[in-house]
Amino acid sequence: MLHRLMEASDYSALRDLWSRFPGNALTGADSREGFERFLEANGRFCFVAVDSGAIAGSVMAGSDTRRGYVYHLAVAEEYRRSGTGRTLMTLVEDALRDAGIEKLHLFIFRDNPAVAFYSKLGWQVREDIHVMSKILGDAPVSDAHGATSREPGRPGGDGGGPICGYLKQPGIPGSEPEGGEE
């Protein structure tokens, strides 16, 4: 298996991989233009695993110069449990560490089984913070559960404004969508 930096020409194969990967939310930022913009700014933190000319896995990460953020770790089903995901995460963590980044974050749906994978790699679930998001513009947003919305900030459909349902936390005021459960 070959591991290399991601290239703009990988887009179609990556988009196909991401769309088949459970628990992955694709947004307007995942358009070809958004992808190429992201690679321009963060390409040194984005890797693919290639086997026999086909992309077997990918990880994208970026940095704001203070913290690193991991996006779209995805491994094709036939390569899962082969070490491909672990290798991709090691590559991205090393690249970010070499860039002087001391702390990484990733956003994952609470019901995503990959939480166990990340925990084995030393990642910790944070219980002391809330993630808040706001959609700017009217690009369609699709969450990992298949809900799509064109209405930024609309309760329901896309998790209540934020694209992820992880903001809904029973018993925490303001975390439930207006009007009750979806």
N, C-alpha and C. Protein backbone atom coordinates (compact mmCIF):
# COMPACT_ATOMS: atom_id res chain seq x y z
N MET A 1 0.85 -1.17 0.00
CA MET A 1 0.00 0.00 0.00
C MET A 1 0.90 1.23 0.00
N LEU A 2 0.58 2.16 -0.87
CA LEU A 2 1.31 3.43 -0.98
C LEU A 2 0.54 4.50 -0.22
N HIS A 3 1.24 5.33 0.53
CA HIS A 3 0.64 6.48 1.21
C HIS A 3 1.29 7.73 0.65
N ARG A 4 0.49 8.69 0.25
CA ARG A 4 1.02 9.91 -0.35
C ARG A 4 0.13 11.09 0.00
N LEU A 5 0.63 12.29 -0.31
CA LEU A 5 -0.18 13.48 -0.14
C LEU A 5 -1.35 13.45 -1.12
N MET A 6 -2.46 13.95 -0.69
CA MET A 6 -3.66 14.04 -1.51
C MET A 6 -3.43 15.04 -2.64
N GLU A 7 -4.04 14.79 -3.78
CA GLU A 7 -3.93 15.68 -4.93
C GLU A 7 -5.32 16.08 -5.41
N ALA A 8 -5.40 17.22 -6.07
CA ALA A 8 -6.69 17.69 -6.59
C ALA A 8 -7.31 16.66 -7.52
N SER A 9 -6.49 15.93 -8.26
CA SER A 9 -7.00 14.93 -9.21
C SER A 9 -7.64 13.72 -8.50
N ASP A 10 -7.49 13.63 -7.17
CA ASP A 10 -8.11 12.55 -6.41
C ASP A 10 -9.58 12.82 -6.09
N TYR A 11 -10.07 14.01 -6.39
CA TYR A 11 -11.37 14.44 -5.90
C TYR A 11 -12.51 13.45 -6.19
N SER A 12 -12.68 13.03 -7.42
CA SER A 12 -13.83 12.17 -7.75
C SER A 12 -13.80 10.87 -6.97
N ALA A 13 -12.64 10.23 -6.89
CA ALA A 13 -12.53 8.99 -6.14
C ALA A 13 -12.76 9.22 -4.65
N LEU A 14 -12.28 10.34 -4.13
CA LEU A 14 -12.49 10.65 -2.72
C LEU A 14 -13.95 10.91 -2.42
N ARG A 15 -14.58 11.69 -3.26
CA ARG A 15 -16.00 12.00 -3.07
C ARG A 15 -16.83 10.71 -3.05
N ASP A 16 -16.48 9.79 -3.93
CA ASP A 16 -17.17 8.50 -3.95
C ASP A 16 -16.93 7.75 -2.65
N LEU A 17 -15.69 7.71 -2.18
CA LEU A 17 -15.37 7.04 -0.92
C LEU A 17 -16.14 7.68 0.24
N TRP A 18 -16.10 9.00 0.33
CA TRP A 18 -16.76 9.70 1.44
C TRP A 18 -18.26 9.47 1.42
N SER A 19 -18.86 9.44 0.25
CA SER A 19 -20.33 9.27 0.18
C SER A 19 -20.75 7.87 0.60
N ARG A 20 -19.85 6.89 0.52
CA ARG A 20 -20.15 5.52 0.92
C ARG A 20 -19.80 5.26 2.38
N PHE A 21 -19.15 6.21 3.01
CA PHE A 21 -18.65 5.98 4.36
C PHE A 21 -19.70 6.36 5.39
N PRO A 22 -20.10 5.41 6.24
CA PRO A 22 -21.13 5.71 7.24
C PRO A 22 -20.64 6.74 8.26
N GLY A 23 -21.51 7.64 8.63
CA GLY A 23 -21.18 8.62 9.65
C GLY A 23 -20.50 9.86 9.12
N ASN A 24 -20.35 9.99 7.81
CA ASN A 24 -19.68 11.14 7.24
C ASN A 24 -20.71 12.13 6.71
N ALA A 25 -20.59 13.38 7.11
CA ALA A 25 -21.50 14.42 6.64
C ALA A 25 -20.81 15.21 5.53
N LEU A 26 -21.43 15.29 4.37
CA LEU A 26 -20.89 16.07 3.26
C LEU A 26 -21.67 17.37 3.16
N THR A 27 -20.93 18.45 2.93
CA THR A 27 -21.55 19.77 2.84
C THR A 27 -21.07 20.46 1.56
N GLY A 28 -21.50 21.68 1.38
CA GLY A 28 -21.05 22.48 0.24
C GLY A 28 -19.54 22.66 0.23
N ALA A 29 -18.91 22.60 1.40
CA ALA A 29 -17.45 22.72 1.48
C ALA A 29 -16.76 21.55 0.80
N ASP A 30 -17.52 20.47 0.55
CA ASP A 30 -16.96 19.29 -0.09
C ASP A 30 -17.14 19.32 -1.61
N SER A 31 -17.53 20.46 -2.15
CA SER A 31 -17.59 20.60 -3.61
C SER A 31 -16.16 20.56 -4.15
N ARG A 32 -16.02 20.37 -5.44
CA ARG A 32 -14.68 20.35 -6.05
C ARG A 32 -13.94 21.65 -5.72
N GLU A 33 -14.64 22.78 -5.83
CA GLU A 33 -13.99 24.07 -5.55
C GLU A 33 -13.56 24.17 -4.09
N GLY A 34 -14.44 23.75 -3.19
CA GLY A 34 -14.11 23.78 -1.77
C GLY A 34 -12.94 22.86 -1.44
N PHE A 35 -12.94 21.69 -2.05
CA PHE A 35 -11.87 20.72 -1.87
C PHE A 35 -10.53 21.30 -2.33
N GLU A 36 -10.53 21.88 -3.52
CA GLU A 36 -9.28 22.45 -4.05
C GLU A 36 -8.79 23.62 -3.21
N ARG A 37 -9.71 24.44 -2.72
CA ARG A 37 -9.33 25.55 -1.82
C ARG A 37 -8.70 25.00 -0.54
N PHE A 38 -9.32 23.95 0.01
CA PHE A 38 -8.80 23.35 1.23
C PHE A 38 -7.40 22.79 1.00
N LEU A 39 -7.20 22.09 -0.13
CA LEU A 39 -5.88 21.53 -0.42
C LEU A 39 -4.84 22.62 -0.60
N GLU A 40 -5.21 23.72 -1.22
CA GLU A 40 -4.27 24.84 -1.37
C GLU A 40 -3.76 25.31 -0.02
N ALA A 41 -4.65 25.42 0.95
CA ALA A 41 -4.29 25.93 2.27
C ALA A 41 -3.69 24.87 3.18
N ASN A 42 -4.09 23.60 3.02
CA ASN A 42 -3.74 22.56 3.99
C ASN A 42 -3.23 21.27 3.37
N GLY A 43 -2.83 21.30 2.12
CA GLY A 43 -2.45 20.07 1.41
C GLY A 43 -1.39 19.24 2.10
N ARG A 44 -0.52 19.86 2.87
CA ARG A 44 0.55 19.10 3.54
C ARG A 44 0.03 18.25 4.69
N PHE A 45 -1.28 18.41 5.01
CA PHE A 45 -1.90 17.63 6.08
C PHE A 45 -2.98 16.67 5.56
N CYS A 46 -2.98 16.40 4.27
CA CYS A 46 -4.02 15.57 3.66
C CYS A 46 -3.36 14.39 2.93
N PHE A 47 -3.79 13.17 3.26
CA PHE A 47 -3.14 11.97 2.76
C PHE A 47 -4.15 10.97 2.21
N VAL A 48 -3.65 10.15 1.28
CA VAL A 48 -4.43 9.03 0.77
C VAL A 48 -3.61 7.76 0.87
N ALA A 49 -4.30 6.66 1.01
CA ALA A 49 -3.71 5.33 0.91
C ALA A 49 -4.16 4.77 -0.43
N VAL A 50 -3.22 4.29 -1.23
CA VAL A 50 -3.52 3.81 -2.58
C VAL A 50 -3.06 2.37 -2.71
N ASP A 51 -3.95 1.52 -3.22
CA ASP A 51 -3.62 0.12 -3.47
C ASP A 51 -4.01 -0.22 -4.90
N SER A 52 -3.07 -0.69 -5.67
CA SER A 52 -3.31 -1.06 -7.08
C SER A 52 -3.96 0.08 -7.85
N GLY A 53 -3.55 1.30 -7.58
CA GLY A 53 -4.04 2.47 -8.29
C GLY A 53 -5.36 3.02 -7.79
N ALA A 54 -6.00 2.35 -6.83
CA ALA A 54 -7.29 2.81 -6.30
C ALA A 54 -7.10 3.36 -4.89
N ILE A 55 -7.87 4.39 -4.57
CA ILE A 55 -7.80 4.98 -3.24
C ILE A 55 -8.51 4.07 -2.25
N ALA A 56 -7.74 3.62 -1.26
CA ALA A 56 -8.26 2.71 -0.24
C ALA A 56 -8.67 3.47 1.02
N GLY A 57 -8.13 4.68 1.20
CA GLY A 57 -8.44 5.46 2.39
C GLY A 57 -7.94 6.88 2.24
N SER A 58 -8.46 7.74 3.10
CA SER A 58 -8.06 9.14 3.06
C SER A 58 -8.22 9.78 4.43
N VAL A 59 -7.46 10.83 4.62
CA VAL A 59 -7.66 11.69 5.79
C VAL A 59 -7.29 13.11 5.36
N MET A 60 -8.12 14.05 5.77
CA MET A 60 -7.85 15.46 5.53
C MET A 60 -7.72 16.13 6.88
N ALA A 61 -6.80 17.05 6.96
CA ALA A 61 -6.65 17.83 8.19
C ALA A 61 -6.22 19.23 7.81
N GLY A 62 -6.46 20.14 8.73
CA GLY A 62 -6.06 21.52 8.52
C GLY A 62 -5.59 22.12 9.82
N SER A 63 -5.06 23.32 9.71
CA SER A 63 -4.54 24.00 10.88
C SER A 63 -4.88 25.47 10.80
N ASP A 64 -5.17 26.05 11.97
CA ASP A 64 -5.34 27.50 12.04
C ASP A 64 -4.08 28.13 12.64
N THR A 65 -3.01 27.39 12.67
CA THR A 65 -1.69 27.70 13.22
C THR A 65 -1.62 27.50 14.73
N ARG A 66 -2.75 27.30 15.38
CA ARG A 66 -2.76 27.02 16.83
C ARG A 66 -3.21 25.60 17.11
N ARG A 67 -4.22 25.16 16.41
CA ARG A 67 -4.79 23.83 16.59
C ARG A 67 -4.93 23.16 15.23
N GLY A 68 -4.95 21.82 15.27
CA GLY A 68 -5.19 21.06 14.06
C GLY A 68 -6.59 20.47 14.11
N TYR A 69 -7.17 20.26 12.95
CA TYR A 69 -8.52 19.72 12.84
C TYR A 69 -8.51 18.59 11.80
N VAL A 70 -9.04 17.45 12.19
CA VAL A 70 -9.06 16.29 11.31
C VAL A 70 -10.45 16.17 10.70
N TYR A 71 -10.47 15.94 9.37
CA TYR A 71 -11.72 15.79 8.62
C TYR A 71 -11.62 14.54 7.75
N HIS A 72 -12.72 13.92 7.52
CA HIS A 72 -12.84 12.89 6.49
C HIS A 72 -11.81 11.77 6.56
N LEU A 73 -11.63 11.17 7.71
CA LEU A 73 -10.90 9.91 7.72
C LEU A 73 -11.90 8.87 7.21
N ALA A 74 -11.54 8.22 6.14
CA ALA A 74 -12.42 7.20 5.56
C ALA A 74 -11.55 6.10 4.98
N VAL A 75 -11.94 4.87 5.24
CA VAL A 75 -11.24 3.72 4.70
C VAL A 75 -12.28 2.82 4.03
N ALA A 76 -11.99 2.44 2.79
CA ALA A 76 -12.91 1.57 2.06
C ALA A 76 -13.13 0.29 2.87
N GLU A 77 -14.34 -0.24 2.80
CA GLU A 77 -14.73 -1.38 3.64
C GLU A 77 -13.75 -2.55 3.56
N GLU A 78 -13.28 -2.85 2.37
CA GLU A 78 -12.40 -4.01 2.23
C GLU A 78 -11.01 -3.81 2.86
N TYR A 79 -10.69 -2.56 3.26
CA TYR A 79 -9.40 -2.27 3.88
C TYR A 79 -9.51 -1.97 5.37
N ARG A 80 -10.72 -1.99 5.90
CA ARG A 80 -10.88 -1.72 7.33
C ARG A 80 -10.25 -2.85 8.13
N ARG A 81 -9.78 -2.50 9.30
CA ARG A 81 -9.10 -3.44 10.22
C ARG A 81 -7.80 -3.98 9.64
N SER A 82 -7.21 -3.23 8.70
CA SER A 82 -5.93 -3.62 8.11
C SER A 82 -4.79 -2.71 8.57
N GLY A 83 -5.10 -1.71 9.38
CA GLY A 83 -4.10 -0.74 9.81
C GLY A 83 -4.06 0.51 8.94
N THR A 84 -4.88 0.54 7.90
CA THR A 84 -4.88 1.68 6.98
C THR A 84 -5.30 2.97 7.69
N GLY A 85 -6.37 2.92 8.45
CA GLY A 85 -6.83 4.11 9.17
C GLY A 85 -5.81 4.58 10.19
N ARG A 86 -5.23 3.64 10.92
CA ARG A 86 -4.21 3.98 11.92
C ARG A 86 -3.00 4.64 11.25
N THR A 87 -2.57 4.09 10.11
CA THR A 87 -1.42 4.66 9.39
C THR A 87 -1.73 6.07 8.90
N LEU A 88 -2.93 6.27 8.35
CA LEU A 88 -3.31 7.61 7.89
C LEU A 88 -3.33 8.60 9.05
N MET A 89 -3.87 8.18 10.20
CA MET A 89 -3.89 9.07 11.36
C MET A 89 -2.48 9.38 11.86
N THR A 90 -1.59 8.40 11.83
CA THR A 90 -0.20 8.64 12.23
C THR A 90 0.45 9.65 11.30
N LEU A 91 0.22 9.51 9.99
CA LEU A 91 0.78 10.46 9.02
C LEU A 91 0.30 11.88 9.29
N VAL A 92 -1.01 12.04 9.52
CA VAL A 92 -1.55 13.38 9.71
C VAL A 92 -1.10 13.96 11.05
N GLU A 93 -1.07 13.13 12.09
CA GLU A 93 -0.61 13.62 13.39
C GLU A 93 0.86 14.04 13.32
N ASP A 94 1.69 13.26 12.65
CA ASP A 94 3.11 13.61 12.51
C ASP A 94 3.28 14.90 11.72
N ALA A 95 2.52 15.06 10.63
CA ALA A 95 2.63 16.28 9.81
C ALA A 95 2.22 17.51 10.62
N LEU A 96 1.16 17.40 11.39
CA LEU A 96 0.72 18.54 12.20
C LEU A 96 1.71 18.82 13.34
N ARG A 97 2.23 17.78 13.96
CA ARG A 97 3.24 17.96 15.01
C ARG A 97 4.47 18.66 14.43
N ASP A 98 4.91 18.23 13.25
CA ASP A 98 6.07 18.85 12.59
C ASP A 98 5.83 20.32 12.26
N ALA A 99 4.55 20.69 12.10
CA ALA A 99 4.20 22.09 11.82
C ALA A 99 4.05 22.90 13.10
N GLY A 100 4.32 22.28 14.25
CA GLY A 100 4.26 23.00 15.52
C GLY A 100 2.91 22.97 16.20
N ILE A 101 2.01 22.13 15.70
CA ILE A 101 0.68 22.03 16.30
C ILE A 101 0.75 21.09 17.49
N GLU A 102 0.21 21.52 18.62
CA GLU A 102 0.29 20.73 19.85
C GLU A 102 -1.01 20.00 20.20
N LYS A 103 -2.13 20.43 19.62
CA LYS A 103 -3.42 19.83 19.98
C LYS A 103 -4.28 19.69 18.74
N LEU A 104 -4.96 18.55 18.64
CA LEU A 104 -5.83 18.28 17.50
C LEU A 104 -7.27 18.10 17.98
N HIS A 105 -8.19 18.43 17.09
CA HIS A 105 -9.61 18.22 17.34
C HIS A 105 -10.21 17.51 16.13
N LEU A 106 -11.29 16.80 16.39
CA LEU A 106 -12.11 16.28 15.30
C LEU A 106 -13.55 16.30 15.76
N PHE A 107 -14.44 16.38 14.82
CA PHE A 107 -15.87 16.40 15.11
C PHE A 107 -16.46 15.11 14.59
N ILE A 108 -17.21 14.44 15.45
CA ILE A 108 -17.76 13.14 15.09
C ILE A 108 -19.14 13.01 15.72
N PHE A 109 -20.08 12.44 14.99
CA PHE A 109 -21.40 12.21 15.54
C PHE A 109 -21.28 11.26 16.72
N ARG A 110 -22.07 11.50 17.75
CA ARG A 110 -22.00 10.68 18.96
C ARG A 110 -22.26 9.20 18.69
N ASP A 111 -23.12 8.90 17.72
CA ASP A 111 -23.46 7.50 17.45
C ASP A 111 -22.55 6.84 16.42
N ASN A 112 -21.49 7.51 16.01
CA ASN A 112 -20.56 6.96 15.04
C ASN A 112 -19.69 5.91 15.72
N PRO A 113 -19.69 4.66 15.24
CA PRO A 113 -18.88 3.62 15.88
C PRO A 113 -17.38 3.91 15.84
N ALA A 114 -16.94 4.84 15.02
CA ALA A 114 -15.51 5.17 14.94
C ALA A 114 -15.00 5.85 16.21
N VAL A 115 -15.89 6.27 17.11
CA VAL A 115 -15.45 6.85 18.38
C VAL A 115 -14.52 5.86 19.08
N ALA A 116 -14.84 4.57 19.04
CA ALA A 116 -14.00 3.55 19.68
C ALA A 116 -12.62 3.49 19.02
N PHE A 117 -12.57 3.61 17.69
CA PHE A 117 -11.29 3.62 16.97
C PHE A 117 -10.42 4.78 17.44
N TYR A 118 -11.00 5.98 17.46
CA TYR A 118 -10.22 7.15 17.88
C TYR A 118 -9.77 7.02 19.33
N SER A 119 -10.61 6.47 20.18
CA SER A 119 -10.23 6.27 21.59
C SER A 119 -9.01 5.37 21.69
N LYS A 120 -8.94 4.33 20.88
CA LYS A 120 -7.78 3.43 20.89
C LYS A 120 -6.51 4.16 20.47
N LEU A 121 -6.66 5.22 19.68
CA LEU A 121 -5.50 5.99 19.23
C LEU A 121 -5.13 7.11 20.21
N GLY A 122 -5.83 7.17 21.34
CA GLY A 122 -5.50 8.17 22.36
C GLY A 122 -6.35 9.42 22.35
N TRP A 123 -7.34 9.49 21.47
CA TRP A 123 -8.24 10.64 21.43
C TRP A 123 -9.20 10.54 22.61
N GLN A 124 -9.63 11.68 23.12
CA GLN A 124 -10.53 11.73 24.26
C GLN A 124 -11.81 12.49 23.89
N VAL A 125 -12.94 11.94 24.31
CA VAL A 125 -14.21 12.62 24.15
C VAL A 125 -14.25 13.76 25.17
N ARG A 126 -14.56 14.96 24.71
CA ARG A 126 -14.65 16.11 25.60
C ARG A 126 -16.07 16.24 26.12
N GLU A 127 -16.21 16.32 27.41
CA GLU A 127 -17.52 16.50 28.04
C GLU A 127 -17.66 17.91 28.60
N ASP A 128 -16.57 18.68 28.55
CA ASP A 128 -16.56 19.99 29.20
C ASP A 128 -16.88 21.14 28.25
N ILE A 129 -17.09 20.85 26.98
CA ILE A 129 -17.38 21.93 26.03
C ILE A 129 -18.58 21.54 25.16
N HIS A 130 -19.18 22.52 24.56
CA HIS A 130 -20.22 22.32 23.55
C HIS A 130 -19.65 22.81 22.23
N VAL A 131 -20.01 22.15 21.16
CA VAL A 131 -19.66 22.61 19.84
C VAL A 131 -20.86 23.35 19.29
N MET A 132 -20.63 24.54 18.82
CA MET A 132 -21.70 25.33 18.23
C MET A 132 -21.31 25.63 16.79
N SER A 133 -22.28 25.60 15.91
CA SER A 133 -22.04 25.83 14.49
C SER A 133 -23.09 26.78 13.95
N LYS A 134 -22.75 27.45 12.89
CA LYS A 134 -23.71 28.32 12.20
C LYS A 134 -23.43 28.20 10.71
N ILE A 135 -24.47 27.93 9.95
CA ILE A 135 -24.34 27.82 8.51
C ILE A 135 -24.48 29.21 7.90
N LEU A 136 -23.50 29.59 7.12
CA LEU A 136 -23.53 30.88 6.44
C LEU A 136 -23.91 30.64 4.98
N GLY A 137 -24.87 31.37 4.48
CA GLY A 137 -25.30 31.18 3.11
C GLY A 137 -26.44 30.19 3.02
N ASP A 138 -26.73 29.76 1.80
CA ASP A 138 -27.87 28.86 1.62
C ASP A 138 -27.48 27.57 0.90
N ALA A 139 -26.21 27.16 1.02
CA ALA A 139 -25.79 25.92 0.40
C ALA A 139 -26.50 24.75 1.06
N PRO A 140 -26.87 23.73 0.28
CA PRO A 140 -27.52 22.57 0.89
C PRO A 140 -26.55 21.87 1.84
N VAL A 141 -27.09 21.38 2.92
CA VAL A 141 -26.30 20.69 3.92
C VAL A 141 -26.91 19.32 4.13
N SER A 142 -26.07 18.30 4.13
CA SER A 142 -26.53 16.94 4.37
C SER A 142 -25.79 16.40 5.58
N ASP A 143 -26.54 15.85 6.53
CA ASP A 143 -25.87 15.27 7.69
C ASP A 143 -25.69 13.77 7.48
N ALA A 144 -25.00 13.13 8.42
CA ALA A 144 -24.68 11.72 8.28
C ALA A 144 -25.91 10.83 8.35
N HIS A 145 -27.02 11.40 8.77
CA HIS A 145 -28.25 10.63 8.87
C HIS A 145 -29.14 10.84 7.66
N GLY A 146 -28.61 11.54 6.64
CA GLY A 146 -29.33 11.70 5.39
C GLY A 146 -30.25 12.90 5.31
N ALA A 147 -30.38 13.67 6.38
CA ALA A 147 -31.25 14.84 6.35
C ALA A 147 -30.56 15.96 5.58
N THR A 148 -31.31 16.66 4.76
CA THR A 148 -30.76 17.75 3.97
C THR A 148 -31.62 18.99 4.17
N SER A 149 -30.96 20.14 4.21
CA SER A 149 -31.66 21.40 4.38
C SER A 149 -30.99 22.48 3.57
N ARG A 150 -31.76 23.44 3.08
CA ARG A 150 -31.22 24.62 2.44
C ARG A 150 -31.45 25.85 3.31
N GLU A 151 -32.04 25.66 4.46
CA GLU A 151 -32.39 26.79 5.31
C GLU A 151 -31.42 26.90 6.48
N PRO A 152 -30.43 27.84 6.40
CA PRO A 152 -29.49 27.98 7.49
C PRO A 152 -30.21 28.31 8.80
N GLY A 153 -29.79 27.64 9.86
CA GLY A 153 -30.34 27.93 11.17
C GLY A 153 -31.73 27.37 11.41
N ARG A 154 -32.27 26.60 10.45
CA ARG A 154 -33.62 26.07 10.60
C ARG A 154 -33.61 24.91 11.57
N PRO A 155 -34.41 24.97 12.62
CA PRO A 155 -34.51 23.81 13.50
C PRO A 155 -35.07 22.62 12.75
N GLY A 156 -34.48 21.45 12.99
CA GLY A 156 -34.95 20.24 12.33
C GLY A 156 -34.22 19.99 11.04
N GLY A 157 -34.34 18.79 10.52
CA GLY A 157 -33.74 18.43 9.25
C GLY A 157 -32.25 18.26 9.31
N ASP A 158 -31.53 19.33 9.61
CA ASP A 158 -30.07 19.25 9.62
C ASP A 158 -29.51 19.33 11.04
N GLY A 159 -30.30 19.02 12.04
CA GLY A 159 -29.80 19.03 13.40
C GLY A 159 -30.05 20.35 14.09
N GLY A 160 -30.85 21.25 13.49
CA GLY A 160 -31.18 22.51 14.15
C GLY A 160 -30.18 23.60 13.88
N GLY A 161 -29.86 23.85 12.61
CA GLY A 161 -28.90 24.89 12.29
C GLY A 161 -27.52 24.30 12.10
N PRO A 162 -26.90 23.80 13.16
CA PRO A 162 -25.62 23.13 12.98
C PRO A 162 -25.82 21.88 12.14
N ILE A 163 -24.81 21.50 11.38
CA ILE A 163 -24.99 20.36 10.50
C ILE A 163 -24.94 19.04 11.24
N CYS A 164 -24.55 19.03 12.48
CA CYS A 164 -24.45 17.79 13.23
C CYS A 164 -25.43 17.76 14.37
N GLY A 165 -26.01 16.60 14.63
CA GLY A 165 -26.97 16.45 15.70
C GLY A 165 -26.34 16.40 17.07
N TYR A 166 -25.02 16.54 17.18
CA TYR A 166 -24.39 16.39 18.48
C TYR A 166 -24.67 17.54 19.41
N LEU A 167 -25.31 18.61 18.95
CA LEU A 167 -25.63 19.71 19.85
C LEU A 167 -26.86 19.41 20.69
N LYS A 168 -27.67 18.46 20.25
CA LYS A 168 -28.89 18.12 20.99
C LYS A 168 -28.51 17.28 22.21
N GLN A 169 -28.59 17.88 23.39
CA GLN A 169 -28.24 17.17 24.60
C GLN A 169 -29.37 17.32 25.59
N PRO A 170 -30.10 16.25 25.84
CA PRO A 170 -31.23 16.32 26.77
C PRO A 170 -30.80 16.89 28.11
N GLY A 171 -31.63 17.77 28.62
CA GLY A 171 -31.37 18.36 29.93
C GLY A 171 -30.49 19.59 29.90
N ILE A 172 -29.95 19.94 28.74
CA ILE A 172 -29.12 21.14 28.65
C ILE A 172 -29.92 22.19 27.90
N PRO A 173 -30.31 23.27 28.60
CA PRO A 173 -31.14 24.30 27.97
C PRO A 173 -30.49 24.82 26.69
N GLY A 174 -31.34 24.98 25.68
CA GLY A 174 -30.90 25.53 24.40
C GLY A 174 -30.29 24.52 23.45
N SER A 175 -30.11 23.28 23.89
CA SER A 175 -29.52 22.29 23.01
C SER A 175 -30.57 21.50 22.24
N GLU A 176 -31.81 21.57 22.63
CA GLU A 176 -32.89 20.89 21.91
C GLU A 176 -33.41 21.80 20.81
N PRO A 177 -33.78 21.24 19.66
CA PRO A 177 -34.37 22.08 18.62
C PRO A 177 -35.69 22.69 19.08
N GLU A 178 -35.96 23.86 18.56
CA GLU A 178 -37.23 24.50 18.90
C GLU A 178 -38.37 23.60 18.44
N GLY A 179 -39.39 23.50 19.24
CA GLY A 179 -40.55 22.68 18.87
C GLY A 179 -40.41 21.23 19.27
N GLY A 180 -39.37 20.89 20.05
CA GLY A 180 -39.23 19.51 20.52
C GLY A 180 -38.37 18.68 19.61
N GLU A 181 -38.48 17.39 19.76
CA GLU A 181 -37.67 16.45 19.00
C GLU A 181 -38.02 16.51 17.53
N GLU A 182 -37.06 16.15 16.72
CA GLU A 182 -37.26 16.14 15.27
C GLU A 182 -37.97 14.89 14.85
